[in-house]
Amino acid sequence: MRVAGLEREFEADRNAEPHLAVNWAIAKDWSENARYDTGISETQARDLYSAVAGTNGVLPWVRRRW
């Protein structure tokens, strides 16, 4: 967010929209190494997908602003 110049706007929107804050909390700790983690359940994978791509997900937020 900082590199893209969206940090302040994201912080404001995250404070105003609880779903975005929850989705960010889920998505922010993901790493490409997690793709190979066989200990992740289907529920966790679906939650991550929803946090990133869902209606109030992080990716739709970025697309609207960048």
Protein backbone atom coordinates (compact mmCIF):
# COMPACT_ATOMS: atom_id res chain seq x y z
CA MET A 1 0.00 0.00 0.00
CA ARG A 2 2.83 2.36 0.85
CA VAL A 3 4.68 1.82 -2.43
CA ALA A 4 1.49 2.36 -4.44
CA GLY A 5 0.74 5.58 -2.54
CA LEU A 6 -2.51 4.18 -1.19
CA GLU A 7 -1.62 3.76 2.47
CA ARG A 8 -3.59 6.72 3.87
CA GLU A 9 -6.67 6.04 1.74
CA PHE A 10 -6.57 2.36 2.63
CA GLU A 11 -6.27 3.10 6.33
CA ALA A 12 -9.26 5.45 6.17
CA ASP A 13 -11.37 2.95 4.23
CA ARG A 14 -10.30 0.09 6.47
CA ASN A 15 -11.40 2.06 9.54
CA ALA A 16 -14.73 2.93 7.89
CA GLU A 17 -15.47 -0.54 6.47
CA PRO A 18 -15.18 -3.44 8.95
CA HIS A 19 -15.33 -6.10 6.21
CA LEU A 20 -12.30 -4.61 4.46
CA ALA A 21 -10.39 -4.58 7.75
CA VAL A 22 -11.19 -8.26 8.38
CA ASN A 23 -10.27 -9.20 4.81
CA TRP A 24 -6.98 -7.33 5.06
CA ALA A 25 -6.18 -9.13 8.33
CA ILE A 26 -6.67 -12.45 6.54
CA ALA A 27 -4.82 -11.58 3.32
CA LYS A 28 -1.85 -9.59 4.58
CA ASP A 29 0.06 -12.54 6.02
CA TRP A 30 -0.22 -14.76 2.95
CA SER A 31 3.00 -15.60 1.13
CA GLU A 32 3.76 -17.43 -2.07
CA ASN A 33 5.20 -20.25 0.06
CA ALA A 34 1.74 -20.82 1.52
CA ARG A 35 0.70 -22.25 -1.88
CA TYR A 36 2.66 -25.36 -1.04
CA ASP A 37 1.50 -25.73 2.56
CA THR A 38 -0.51 -28.95 2.70
CA GLY A 39 -1.67 -28.11 6.22
CA ILE A 40 -4.09 -25.44 5.01
CA SER A 41 -7.71 -26.59 5.13
CA GLU A 42 -10.24 -26.05 2.39
CA THR A 43 -12.05 -23.60 4.66
CA GLN A 44 -8.88 -21.55 5.16
CA ALA A 45 -8.25 -21.52 1.41
CA ARG A 46 -11.80 -20.36 0.71
CA ASP A 47 -11.53 -17.66 3.38
CA LEU A 48 -8.31 -16.38 1.83
CA TYR A 49 -9.84 -16.35 -1.65
CA SER A 50 -12.87 -14.46 -0.39
CA ALA A 51 -10.67 -11.97 1.51
CA VAL A 52 -8.73 -11.22 -1.64
CA ALA A 53 -11.32 -11.44 -4.41
CA GLY A 54 -14.71 -11.15 -2.69
CA THR A 55 -17.08 -8.18 -2.81
CA ASN A 56 -15.28 -6.40 0.04
CA GLY A 57 -11.94 -7.97 -0.81
CA VAL A 58 -8.56 -6.34 -1.01
CA LEU A 59 -8.14 -6.78 -4.79
CA PRO A 60 -11.43 -5.05 -5.74
CA TRP A 61 -10.45 -2.18 -3.41
CA VAL A 62 -7.07 -1.80 -5.14
CA ARG A 63 -8.64 -1.98 -8.61
CA ARG A 64 -11.01 0.88 -7.79
CA ARG A 65 -8.18 3.14 -6.69
CA TRP A 66 -5.15 2.35 -8.76
